[in-house]
Amino acid sequence: MHELGIANSVIEAVRAEALRRPGTRVRKVGLLLGELAGVDRDALTFCFDSLVQETELAGVPLETQLCRRRHRCRCCTETFVVVDYETTCPCCGSTDTGCIGGEELELSFLELEEL
C-alpha cells in the first residue's frame, strides 16, 4: 500500500509549508490526483486521516480533486478528455495523439486560518 507513503509525504509537505506561515493553523488540504497516478483515492484519504490522528493536523480534511486523462492531437492540436480508453481525436479523427494529463499527484492548496 504505497498510499501510506504518499499520505506521509503530503503531511510532511503541509507541515513544511505551515512552518513558513507562523500564527496560522491548517484547516484543509487539497490534492490533485490524476486517474493515471495509480493511487486509490479512498485508501489515501484513510491513510492521511490515520496518520494525522493525535497530531496538530487532527481533524484536517484531505480534499482530492480527480484529474481526468487528457490527450492532445498532434494534427489539429485539439485537447480532449479520454473516455473508455478512446484516444482518437474527436475533432479530426486522427489517432496521432499524446497524453498531456492525468498523472498528477500534487498538493494543490492549503486552507489556513490565522490564530
C-alpha atoms as a PDB file:
ATOM      1  CA  MET A   1       0.000   0.000   0.000  1.00  0.00           C
ATOM      2  CA  HIS A   2       2.030   2.948  -1.283  1.00  0.00           C
ATOM      3  CA  GLU A   3      -0.813   5.295  -0.318  1.00  0.00           C
ATOM      4  CA  LEU A   4       0.614   5.314   3.227  1.00  0.00           C
ATOM      5  CA  GLY A   5       3.928   6.674   1.948  1.00  0.00           C
ATOM      6  CA  ILE A   6       2.152   9.241  -0.212  1.00  0.00           C
ATOM      7  CA  ALA A   7      -0.012  10.364   2.722  1.00  0.00           C
ATOM      8  CA  ASN A   8       3.121  10.723   4.849  1.00  0.00           C
ATOM      9  CA  SER A   9       4.796  12.838   2.145  1.00  0.00           C
ATOM     10  CA  VAL A  10       1.715  15.061   1.899  1.00  0.00           C
ATOM     11  CA  ILE A  11       1.756  15.578   5.665  1.00  0.00           C
ATOM     12  CA  GLU A  12       5.458  16.466   5.602  1.00  0.00           C
ATOM     13  CA  ALA A  13       4.842  19.000   2.806  1.00  0.00           C
ATOM     14  CA  VAL A  14       1.896  20.507   4.688  1.00  0.00           C
ATOM     15  CA  ARG A  15       3.934  20.851   7.867  1.00  0.00           C
ATOM     16  CA  ALA A  16       6.835  22.467   5.994  1.00  0.00           C
ATOM     17  CA  GLU A  17       4.514  24.955   4.332  1.00  0.00           C
ATOM     18  CA  ALA A  18       2.705  25.716   7.603  1.00  0.00           C
ATOM     19  CA  LEU A  19       6.045  26.456   9.292  1.00  0.00           C
ATOM     20  CA  ARG A  20       6.614  29.240   6.747  1.00  0.00           C
ATOM     21  CA  ARG A  21       3.448  30.930   7.970  1.00  0.00           C
ATOM     22  CA  PRO A  22       3.700  31.334  11.735  1.00  0.00           C
ATOM     23  CA  GLY A  23       0.500  32.260  13.544  1.00  0.00           C
ATOM     24  CA  THR A  24      -1.695  30.107  11.309  1.00  0.00           C
ATOM     25  CA  ARG A  25      -3.417  26.761  11.592  1.00  0.00           C
ATOM     26  CA  VAL A  26      -4.128  24.351   8.721  1.00  0.00           C
ATOM     27  CA  ARG A  27      -7.874  23.967   8.135  1.00  0.00           C
ATOM     28  CA  LYS A  28      -7.949  21.976   4.886  1.00  0.00           C
ATOM     29  CA  VAL A  29      -5.548  20.256   2.467  1.00  0.00           C
ATOM     30  CA  GLY A  30      -6.199  19.911  -1.268  1.00  0.00           C
ATOM     31  CA  LEU A  31      -4.591  17.400  -3.578  1.00  0.00           C
ATOM     32  CA  LEU A  32      -4.776  16.974  -7.358  1.00  0.00           C
ATOM     33  CA  LEU A  33      -4.922  13.276  -8.164  1.00  0.00           C
ATOM     34  CA  GLY A  34      -4.695  12.067 -11.747  1.00  0.00           C
ATOM     35  CA  GLU A  35      -6.621   8.986 -12.753  1.00  0.00           C
ATOM     36  CA  LEU A  36      -3.362   7.552 -14.155  1.00  0.00           C
ATOM     37  CA  ALA A  37      -1.387   8.178 -10.946  1.00  0.00           C
ATOM     38  CA  GLY A  38      -2.125   4.681  -9.676  1.00  0.00           C
ATOM     39  CA  VAL A  39      -3.360   5.932  -6.311  1.00  0.00           C
ATOM     40  CA  ASP A  40      -6.522   4.687  -4.632  1.00  0.00           C
ATOM     41  CA  ARG A  41      -8.341   7.826  -3.513  1.00  0.00           C
ATOM     42  CA  ASP A  42     -10.161   6.183  -0.588  1.00  0.00           C
ATOM     43  CA  ALA A  43      -7.030   4.417   0.653  1.00  0.00           C
ATOM     44  CA  LEU A  44      -5.074   7.682   0.506  1.00  0.00           C
ATOM     45  CA  THR A  45      -7.743   9.514   2.499  1.00  0.00           C
ATOM     46  CA  PHE A  46      -7.854   6.710   5.060  1.00  0.00           C
ATOM     47  CA  CYS A  47      -4.066   6.756   5.446  1.00  0.00           C
ATOM     48  CA  PHE A  48      -3.991  10.546   5.765  1.00  0.00           C
ATOM     49  CA  ASP A  49      -6.723  10.515   8.403  1.00  0.00           C
ATOM     50  CA  SER A  50      -4.948   7.755  10.329  1.00  0.00           C
ATOM     51  CA  LEU A  51      -1.570   9.496  10.284  1.00  0.00           C
ATOM     52  CA  VAL A  52      -2.842  12.879  11.471  1.00  0.00           C
ATOM     53  CA  GLN A  53      -4.708  11.488  14.480  1.00  0.00           C
ATOM     54  CA  GLU A  54      -3.323  12.896  17.721  1.00  0.00           C
ATOM     55  CA  THR A  55      -1.194  15.469  15.864  1.00  0.00           C
ATOM     56  CA  GLU A  56      -1.627  19.190  15.253  1.00  0.00           C
ATOM     57  CA  LEU A  57      -3.347  18.210  11.988  1.00  0.00           C
ATOM     58  CA  ALA A  58      -6.018  16.036  13.620  1.00  0.00           C
ATOM     59  CA  GLY A  59      -9.388  16.618  12.001  1.00  0.00           C
ATOM     60  CA  VAL A  60      -7.955  18.437   8.973  1.00  0.00           C
ATOM     61  CA  PRO A  61      -9.750  17.092   5.905  1.00  0.00           C
ATOM     62  CA  LEU A  62      -7.919  15.973   2.767  1.00  0.00           C
ATOM     63  CA  GLU A  63      -9.831  17.005  -0.350  1.00  0.00           C
ATOM     64  CA  THR A  64      -8.831  15.216  -3.524  1.00  0.00           C
ATOM     65  CA  GLN A  65      -9.723  16.509  -6.954  1.00  0.00           C
ATOM     66  CA  LEU A  66      -9.633  13.867  -9.669  1.00  0.00           C
ATOM     67  CA  CYS A  67      -7.856  14.908 -12.861  1.00  0.00           C
ATOM     68  CA  ARG A  68      -9.052  13.046 -15.915  1.00  0.00           C
ATOM     69  CA  ARG A  69      -6.714  11.625 -18.544  1.00  0.00           C
ATOM     70  CA  ARG A  70      -6.275  14.208 -21.309  1.00  0.00           C
ATOM     71  CA  HIS A  71      -4.726  13.928 -24.752  1.00  0.00           C
ATOM     72  CA  ARG A  72      -3.703  16.435 -27.412  1.00  0.00           C
ATOM     73  CA  CYS A  73      -3.982  15.732 -31.110  1.00  0.00           C
ATOM     74  CA  ARG A  74      -0.687  16.206 -32.939  1.00  0.00           C
ATOM     75  CA  CYS A  75      -2.564  17.034 -36.162  1.00  0.00           C
ATOM     76  CA  CYS A  76      -5.127  19.667 -35.148  1.00  0.00           C
ATOM     77  CA  THR A  77      -3.905  20.421 -31.566  1.00  0.00           C
ATOM     78  CA  GLU A  78      -7.360  19.661 -30.088  1.00  0.00           C
ATOM     79  CA  THR A  79      -7.185  18.814 -26.371  1.00  0.00           C
ATOM     80  CA  PHE A  80      -9.708  16.275 -25.105  1.00  0.00           C
ATOM     81  CA  VAL A  81     -10.576  14.012 -22.180  1.00  0.00           C
ATOM     82  CA  VAL A  82     -10.056  10.309 -22.850  1.00  0.00           C
ATOM     83  CA  VAL A  83     -13.213   8.289 -22.186  1.00  0.00           C
ATOM     84  CA  ASP A  84     -13.265   4.478 -22.243  1.00  0.00           C
ATOM     85  CA  TYR A  85      -9.638   4.363 -23.485  1.00  0.00           C
ATOM     86  CA  GLU A  86     -10.630   6.074 -26.755  1.00  0.00           C
ATOM     87  CA  THR A  87      -7.610   8.166 -27.747  1.00  0.00           C
ATOM     88  CA  THR A  88      -8.757   9.091 -31.269  1.00  0.00           C
ATOM     89  CA  CYS A  89      -9.182  12.829 -31.717  1.00  0.00           C
ATOM     90  CA  PRO A  90     -12.889  13.711 -31.587  1.00  0.00           C
ATOM     91  CA  CYS A  91     -12.278  16.780 -33.768  1.00  0.00           C
ATOM     92  CA  CYS A  92     -10.346  15.413 -36.770  1.00  0.00           C
ATOM     93  CA  GLY A  93     -10.353  11.632 -36.207  1.00  0.00           C
ATOM     94  CA  SER A  94      -6.572  11.319 -36.050  1.00  0.00           C
ATOM     95  CA  THR A  95      -5.044   8.559 -33.932  1.00  0.00           C
ATOM     96  CA  ASP A  96      -1.818  10.565 -33.577  1.00  0.00           C
ATOM     97  CA  THR A  97      -2.488  11.857 -30.064  1.00  0.00           C
ATOM     98  CA  GLY A  98      -0.390  12.089 -26.923  1.00  0.00           C
ATOM     99  CA  CYS A  99      -1.115  12.081 -23.220  1.00  0.00           C
ATOM    100  CA  ILE A 100      -0.793  15.526 -21.615  1.00  0.00           C
ATOM    101  CA  GLY A 101      -2.553  14.977 -18.289  1.00  0.00           C
ATOM    102  CA  GLY A 102      -3.993  12.570 -15.812  1.00  0.00           C
ATOM    103  CA  GLU A 103      -0.805  11.633 -13.982  1.00  0.00           C
ATOM    104  CA  GLU A 104      -0.951  14.483 -11.463  1.00  0.00           C
ATOM    105  CA  LEU A 105      -0.182  13.937  -7.808  1.00  0.00           C
ATOM    106  CA  GLU A 106       0.212  17.464  -6.477  1.00  0.00           C
ATOM    107  CA  LEU A 107      -0.500  19.409  -3.343  1.00  0.00           C
ATOM    108  CA  SER A 108      -2.900  21.968  -4.800  1.00  0.00           C
ATOM    109  CA  PHE A 109      -3.842  24.112  -1.815  1.00  0.00           C
ATOM    110  CA  LEU A 110      -3.738  24.640   1.923  1.00  0.00           C
ATOM    111  CA  GLU A 111      -6.532  26.476   3.637  1.00  0.00           C
ATOM    112  CA  LEU A 112      -5.066  28.311   6.605  1.00  0.00           C
ATOM    113  CA  GLU A 113      -6.667  30.153   9.494  1.00  0.00           C
ATOM    114  CA  GLU A 114      -4.963  32.940  11.395  1.00  0.00           C
ATOM    115  CA  LEU A 115      -4.723  32.350  15.135  1.00  0.00           C
END
